[in-house]
Amino acid sequence: MNHDPLVAQTLRSIAALSGLPIRPDAAEEGDVAPYLVYAEIALPPDAYTLGGESSLVPSRYQIDVYAATRAQANALAQAAHDALTAAFGGAAVSRQSLFEHDTRLRRTLLDLQLWFPNP
């Protein structure tokens, strides 16, 4: 199951991200920083545990925040992390701070393990 609509809705509800471009998979031509890109990067084949069917489905999402400064990229990434983990439970798997030479932007990459209701 694709959880993109739930993730997008949650990201768009964050006050700190209000008005920013929030895109699945890749930025669009003409997007001006700061902007955010999200993608589902891992989804297990089923929602079962050793105890049987689970009421929750884990899924990993990568959230990339692009901004002119490291401080802005980190602050927006933290806002996304806090909102997504509060909405769906879960935790950060990793976090990286990068510099994108082609765009000359700072990038904060979040890898989040989130839990969604099993339909």
N, C-alpha and C. Protein backbone atom coordinates (compact mmCIF):
# COMPACT_ATOMS: atom_id res chain seq x y z
N MET A 1 0.84 -1.19 0.00
CA MET A 1 0.00 0.00 0.00
C MET A 1 0.88 1.24 0.00
N ASN A 2 0.52 2.21 -0.78
CA ASN A 2 1.26 3.45 -0.86
C ASN A 2 0.72 4.43 0.17
N HIS A 3 1.60 4.90 1.03
CA HIS A 3 1.19 5.83 2.09
C HIS A 3 1.50 7.29 1.76
N ASP A 4 1.90 7.54 0.50
CA ASP A 4 2.26 8.89 0.09
C ASP A 4 1.19 9.94 0.42
N PRO A 5 -0.10 9.67 0.18
CA PRO A 5 -1.09 10.71 0.50
C PRO A 5 -1.09 11.11 1.98
N LEU A 6 -0.91 10.15 2.88
CA LEU A 6 -0.86 10.46 4.31
C LEU A 6 0.38 11.27 4.66
N VAL A 7 1.51 10.89 4.08
CA VAL A 7 2.76 11.61 4.34
C VAL A 7 2.67 13.03 3.79
N ALA A 8 2.19 13.18 2.56
CA ALA A 8 2.07 14.50 1.95
C ALA A 8 1.13 15.39 2.76
N GLN A 9 0.00 14.86 3.17
CA GLN A 9 -0.97 15.63 3.95
C GLN A 9 -0.35 16.10 5.26
N THR A 10 0.38 15.22 5.92
CA THR A 10 1.03 15.58 7.19
C THR A 10 2.08 16.65 6.97
N LEU A 11 2.92 16.48 5.95
CA LEU A 11 3.96 17.48 5.67
C LEU A 11 3.37 18.84 5.35
N ARG A 12 2.28 18.85 4.60
CA ARG A 12 1.66 20.14 4.22
C ARG A 12 0.97 20.83 5.39
N SER A 13 0.71 20.07 6.46
CA SER A 13 0.05 20.65 7.63
C SER A 13 1.04 21.28 8.62
N ILE A 14 2.33 21.15 8.37
CA ILE A 14 3.34 21.68 9.28
C ILE A 14 3.51 23.17 9.04
N ALA A 15 3.33 23.95 10.07
CA ALA A 15 3.40 25.40 9.92
C ALA A 15 4.74 25.85 9.33
N ALA A 16 5.83 25.25 9.78
CA ALA A 16 7.16 25.65 9.30
C ALA A 16 7.34 25.38 7.81
N LEU A 17 6.56 24.45 7.25
CA LEU A 17 6.68 24.09 5.84
C LEU A 17 5.61 24.76 4.98
N SER A 18 4.77 25.56 5.60
CA SER A 18 3.66 26.20 4.89
C SER A 18 4.17 27.01 3.70
N GLY A 19 3.61 26.74 2.54
CA GLY A 19 3.96 27.48 1.34
C GLY A 19 5.18 26.95 0.60
N LEU A 20 5.88 25.98 1.17
CA LEU A 20 7.05 25.43 0.49
C LEU A 20 6.63 24.36 -0.51
N PRO A 21 7.36 24.23 -1.61
CA PRO A 21 7.10 23.11 -2.51
C PRO A 21 7.41 21.79 -1.78
N ILE A 22 6.46 20.87 -1.79
CA ILE A 22 6.62 19.54 -1.20
C ILE A 22 6.28 18.56 -2.30
N ARG A 23 7.28 17.81 -2.75
CA ARG A 23 7.14 16.97 -3.94
C ARG A 23 7.45 15.51 -3.66
N PRO A 24 6.72 14.61 -4.32
CA PRO A 24 7.11 13.20 -4.26
C PRO A 24 8.25 12.94 -5.25
N ASP A 25 9.23 12.19 -4.82
CA ASP A 25 10.31 11.66 -5.68
C ASP A 25 11.36 12.66 -6.14
N ALA A 26 10.99 13.81 -6.65
CA ALA A 26 11.97 14.77 -7.17
C ALA A 26 11.37 16.17 -7.21
N ALA A 27 12.25 17.15 -7.11
CA ALA A 27 11.80 18.54 -7.24
C ALA A 27 11.39 18.78 -8.68
N GLU A 28 10.53 19.77 -8.87
CA GLU A 28 10.11 20.14 -10.21
C GLU A 28 10.97 21.30 -10.70
N GLU A 29 11.11 21.40 -12.01
CA GLU A 29 11.85 22.51 -12.59
C GLU A 29 11.18 23.81 -12.14
N GLY A 30 11.97 24.71 -11.68
CA GLY A 30 11.44 25.99 -11.22
C GLY A 30 11.21 26.07 -9.73
N ASP A 31 11.30 24.93 -9.00
CA ASP A 31 11.18 24.99 -7.54
C ASP A 31 12.34 25.80 -6.98
N VAL A 32 12.01 26.71 -6.07
CA VAL A 32 13.01 27.56 -5.45
C VAL A 32 13.15 27.13 -3.99
N ALA A 33 14.38 27.00 -3.54
CA ALA A 33 14.64 26.60 -2.15
C ALA A 33 14.14 27.67 -1.19
N PRO A 34 13.66 27.24 -0.04
CA PRO A 34 13.67 25.86 0.44
C PRO A 34 12.52 25.05 -0.15
N TYR A 35 12.78 23.75 -0.31
CA TYR A 35 11.75 22.81 -0.74
C TYR A 35 12.06 21.43 -0.17
N LEU A 36 11.06 20.56 -0.26
CA LEU A 36 11.16 19.24 0.35
C LEU A 36 10.73 18.18 -0.65
N VAL A 37 11.45 17.07 -0.65
CA VAL A 37 11.14 15.93 -1.51
C VAL A 37 11.00 14.70 -0.61
N TYR A 38 9.96 13.89 -0.83
CA TYR A 38 9.78 12.68 -0.04
C TYR A 38 9.62 11.48 -0.97
N ALA A 39 10.03 10.30 -0.47
CA ALA A 39 9.87 9.07 -1.25
C ALA A 39 9.82 7.88 -0.31
N GLU A 40 8.93 6.96 -0.61
CA GLU A 40 8.89 5.71 0.12
C GLU A 40 10.05 4.86 -0.39
N ILE A 41 10.93 4.43 0.51
CA ILE A 41 12.13 3.71 0.08
C ILE A 41 12.11 2.23 0.47
N ALA A 42 11.23 1.82 1.36
CA ALA A 42 11.15 0.40 1.71
C ALA A 42 9.79 0.11 2.33
N LEU A 43 9.18 -0.94 1.84
CA LEU A 43 7.88 -1.39 2.35
C LEU A 43 7.93 -2.90 2.44
N PRO A 44 7.67 -3.47 3.61
CA PRO A 44 7.71 -4.93 3.71
C PRO A 44 6.60 -5.57 2.88
N PRO A 45 6.77 -6.81 2.47
CA PRO A 45 5.78 -7.45 1.61
C PRO A 45 4.44 -7.72 2.28
N ASP A 46 4.41 -7.77 3.61
CA ASP A 46 3.15 -8.03 4.29
C ASP A 46 3.19 -7.40 5.68
N ALA A 47 2.08 -7.46 6.37
CA ALA A 47 1.97 -6.85 7.70
C ALA A 47 1.78 -7.93 8.75
N TYR A 48 2.71 -8.86 8.81
CA TYR A 48 2.63 -9.95 9.78
C TYR A 48 3.82 -9.91 10.71
N THR A 49 3.58 -10.32 11.93
CA THR A 49 4.64 -10.47 12.92
C THR A 49 4.64 -11.94 13.36
N LEU A 50 5.51 -12.31 14.26
CA LEU A 50 5.52 -13.68 14.77
C LEU A 50 4.21 -14.03 15.47
N GLY A 51 3.49 -13.02 15.93
CA GLY A 51 2.21 -13.24 16.59
C GLY A 51 1.01 -13.22 15.66
N GLY A 52 1.24 -13.07 14.36
CA GLY A 52 0.15 -13.04 13.39
C GLY A 52 0.05 -11.70 12.69
N GLU A 53 -1.13 -11.43 12.12
CA GLU A 53 -1.32 -10.19 11.37
C GLU A 53 -1.23 -8.99 12.30
N SER A 54 -0.54 -7.96 11.85
CA SER A 54 -0.34 -6.75 12.64
C SER A 54 -1.38 -5.70 12.28
N SER A 55 -1.69 -4.84 13.24
CA SER A 55 -2.60 -3.73 12.98
C SER A 55 -1.86 -2.53 12.39
N LEU A 56 -0.52 -2.64 12.34
CA LEU A 56 0.30 -1.57 11.80
C LEU A 56 1.22 -2.10 10.70
N VAL A 57 1.49 -1.26 9.73
CA VAL A 57 2.37 -1.60 8.62
C VAL A 57 3.58 -0.67 8.68
N PRO A 58 4.79 -1.21 8.79
CA PRO A 58 5.97 -0.33 8.77
C PRO A 58 6.33 0.06 7.35
N SER A 59 6.85 1.25 7.21
CA SER A 59 7.32 1.72 5.92
C SER A 59 8.42 2.74 6.16
N ARG A 60 9.44 2.72 5.31
CA ARG A 60 10.52 3.68 5.44
C ARG A 60 10.37 4.77 4.38
N TYR A 61 10.56 5.99 4.83
CA TYR A 61 10.48 7.16 3.96
C TYR A 61 11.78 7.95 4.04
N GLN A 62 12.20 8.44 2.89
CA GLN A 62 13.32 9.37 2.84
C GLN A 62 12.74 10.77 2.60
N ILE A 63 13.15 11.68 3.46
CA ILE A 63 12.73 13.07 3.36
C ILE A 63 13.99 13.89 3.09
N ASP A 64 14.01 14.62 2.00
CA ASP A 64 15.15 15.48 1.65
C ASP A 64 14.71 16.93 1.70
N VAL A 65 15.38 17.71 2.51
CA VAL A 65 15.09 19.14 2.63
C VAL A 65 16.24 19.91 2.01
N TYR A 66 15.94 20.78 1.07
CA TYR A 66 16.93 21.61 0.39
C TYR A 66 16.72 23.06 0.80
N ALA A 67 17.81 23.72 1.17
CA ALA A 67 17.73 25.12 1.60
C ALA A 67 19.06 25.81 1.33
N ALA A 68 19.05 27.12 1.45
CA ALA A 68 20.26 27.91 1.19
C ALA A 68 21.29 27.76 2.31
N THR A 69 20.82 27.52 3.54
CA THR A 69 21.74 27.41 4.67
C THR A 69 21.56 26.07 5.38
N ARG A 70 22.61 25.64 6.05
CA ARG A 70 22.56 24.41 6.83
C ARG A 70 21.54 24.54 7.96
N ALA A 71 21.52 25.68 8.63
CA ALA A 71 20.59 25.88 9.74
C ALA A 71 19.14 25.76 9.28
N GLN A 72 18.82 26.35 8.14
CA GLN A 72 17.44 26.28 7.64
C GLN A 72 17.09 24.86 7.23
N ALA A 73 17.98 24.16 6.55
CA ALA A 73 17.72 22.78 6.15
C ALA A 73 17.50 21.90 7.38
N ASN A 74 18.34 22.08 8.39
CA ASN A 74 18.20 21.27 9.61
C ASN A 74 16.90 21.57 10.36
N ALA A 75 16.54 22.85 10.45
CA ALA A 75 15.31 23.22 11.17
C ALA A 75 14.07 22.67 10.47
N LEU A 76 14.03 22.78 9.14
CA LEU A 76 12.87 22.26 8.40
C LEU A 76 12.81 20.74 8.47
N ALA A 77 13.98 20.09 8.41
CA ALA A 77 14.02 18.63 8.54
C ALA A 77 13.54 18.19 9.92
N GLN A 78 13.92 18.93 10.96
CA GLN A 78 13.47 18.59 12.31
C GLN A 78 11.95 18.74 12.43
N ALA A 79 11.40 19.77 11.81
CA ALA A 79 9.95 19.96 11.83
C ALA A 79 9.25 18.79 11.13
N ALA A 80 9.79 18.35 10.00
CA ALA A 80 9.21 17.21 9.29
C ALA A 80 9.32 15.95 10.13
N HIS A 81 10.48 15.71 10.73
CA HIS A 81 10.68 14.54 11.59
C HIS A 81 9.67 14.53 12.73
N ASP A 82 9.55 15.65 13.44
CA ASP A 82 8.67 15.71 14.60
C ASP A 82 7.22 15.45 14.21
N ALA A 83 6.77 16.05 13.13
CA ALA A 83 5.37 15.88 12.72
C ALA A 83 5.08 14.46 12.24
N LEU A 84 5.97 13.89 11.44
CA LEU A 84 5.73 12.55 10.91
C LEU A 84 5.78 11.48 12.00
N THR A 85 6.75 11.58 12.90
CA THR A 85 6.83 10.57 13.96
C THR A 85 5.69 10.74 14.97
N ALA A 86 5.22 11.96 15.17
CA ALA A 86 4.07 12.17 16.06
C ALA A 86 2.79 11.60 15.43
N ALA A 87 2.65 11.77 14.12
CA ALA A 87 1.44 11.31 13.43
C ALA A 87 1.39 9.80 13.27
N PHE A 88 2.54 9.19 13.00
CA PHE A 88 2.54 7.77 12.64
C PHE A 88 3.37 6.89 13.56
N GLY A 89 4.02 7.45 14.54
CA GLY A 89 4.95 6.66 15.34
C GLY A 89 6.17 6.36 14.50
N GLY A 90 7.19 5.87 15.14
CA GLY A 90 8.39 5.54 14.40
C GLY A 90 9.59 6.27 14.92
N ALA A 91 10.66 6.20 14.15
CA ALA A 91 11.92 6.80 14.58
C ALA A 91 12.80 7.08 13.38
N ALA A 92 13.79 7.92 13.60
CA ALA A 92 14.77 8.19 12.56
C ALA A 92 15.74 7.02 12.47
N VAL A 93 15.96 6.54 11.26
CA VAL A 93 16.96 5.50 11.01
C VAL A 93 18.31 6.17 10.83
N SER A 94 18.32 7.28 10.08
CA SER A 94 19.56 8.04 9.90
C SER A 94 19.23 9.47 9.49
N ARG A 95 20.25 10.31 9.62
CA ARG A 95 20.14 11.72 9.23
C ARG A 95 21.50 12.14 8.70
N GLN A 96 21.50 12.82 7.56
CA GLN A 96 22.74 13.27 6.95
C GLN A 96 22.62 14.74 6.54
N SER A 97 23.73 15.44 6.66
CA SER A 97 23.81 16.81 6.16
C SER A 97 24.74 16.79 4.97
N LEU A 98 24.27 17.32 3.84
CA LEU A 98 25.01 17.25 2.59
C LEU A 98 25.05 18.61 1.91
N PHE A 99 25.99 18.74 0.97
CA PHE A 99 26.05 19.92 0.12
C PHE A 99 25.89 19.45 -1.32
N GLU A 100 24.92 20.02 -2.02
CA GLU A 100 24.67 19.65 -3.41
C GLU A 100 25.42 20.62 -4.32
N HIS A 101 26.48 20.13 -4.96
CA HIS A 101 27.32 21.01 -5.79
C HIS A 101 26.58 21.57 -7.00
N ASP A 102 25.72 20.76 -7.62
CA ASP A 102 25.05 21.23 -8.84
C ASP A 102 24.06 22.36 -8.57
N THR A 103 23.38 22.33 -7.43
CA THR A 103 22.41 23.38 -7.11
C THR A 103 22.95 24.42 -6.15
N ARG A 104 24.10 24.11 -5.52
CA ARG A 104 24.71 24.98 -4.50
C ARG A 104 23.81 25.12 -3.28
N LEU A 105 23.01 24.08 -3.00
CA LEU A 105 22.10 24.10 -1.85
C LEU A 105 22.58 23.15 -0.77
N ARG A 106 22.16 23.42 0.44
CA ARG A 106 22.37 22.51 1.57
C ARG A 106 21.20 21.53 1.59
N ARG A 107 21.50 20.30 1.95
CA ARG A 107 20.48 19.25 1.95
C ARG A 107 20.57 18.47 3.25
N THR A 108 19.44 18.30 3.90
CA THR A 108 19.36 17.41 5.05
C THR A 108 18.48 16.25 4.65
N LEU A 109 19.04 15.05 4.76
CA LEU A 109 18.36 13.81 4.38
C LEU A 109 17.94 13.07 5.64
N LEU A 110 16.66 12.76 5.72
CA LEU A 110 16.14 11.95 6.83
C LEU A 110 15.69 10.60 6.29
N ASP A 111 16.03 9.55 6.98
CA ASP A 111 15.52 8.21 6.70
C ASP A 111 14.68 7.84 7.90
N LEU A 112 13.36 7.76 7.71
CA LEU A 112 12.44 7.52 8.82
C LEU A 112 11.72 6.19 8.69
N GLN A 113 11.61 5.47 9.78
CA GLN A 113 10.77 4.27 9.86
C GLN A 113 9.46 4.73 10.47
N LEU A 114 8.37 4.62 9.73
CA LEU A 114 7.06 5.06 10.18
C LEU A 114 6.11 3.86 10.23
N TRP A 115 5.05 3.98 11.03
CA TRP A 115 4.06 2.90 11.17
C TRP A 115 2.69 3.43 10.78
N PHE A 116 2.07 2.75 9.83
CA PHE A 116 0.76 3.17 9.32
C PHE A 116 -0.29 2.12 9.68
N PRO A 117 -1.56 2.53 9.82
CA PRO A 117 -2.62 1.56 10.09
C PRO A 117 -2.72 0.54 8.97
N ASN A 118 -2.92 -0.71 9.34
CA ASN A 118 -3.10 -1.79 8.35
C ASN A 118 -4.56 -1.79 7.91
N PRO A 119 -4.82 -1.51 6.64
CA PRO A 119 -6.22 -1.42 6.19
C PRO A 119 -6.97 -2.75 6.28
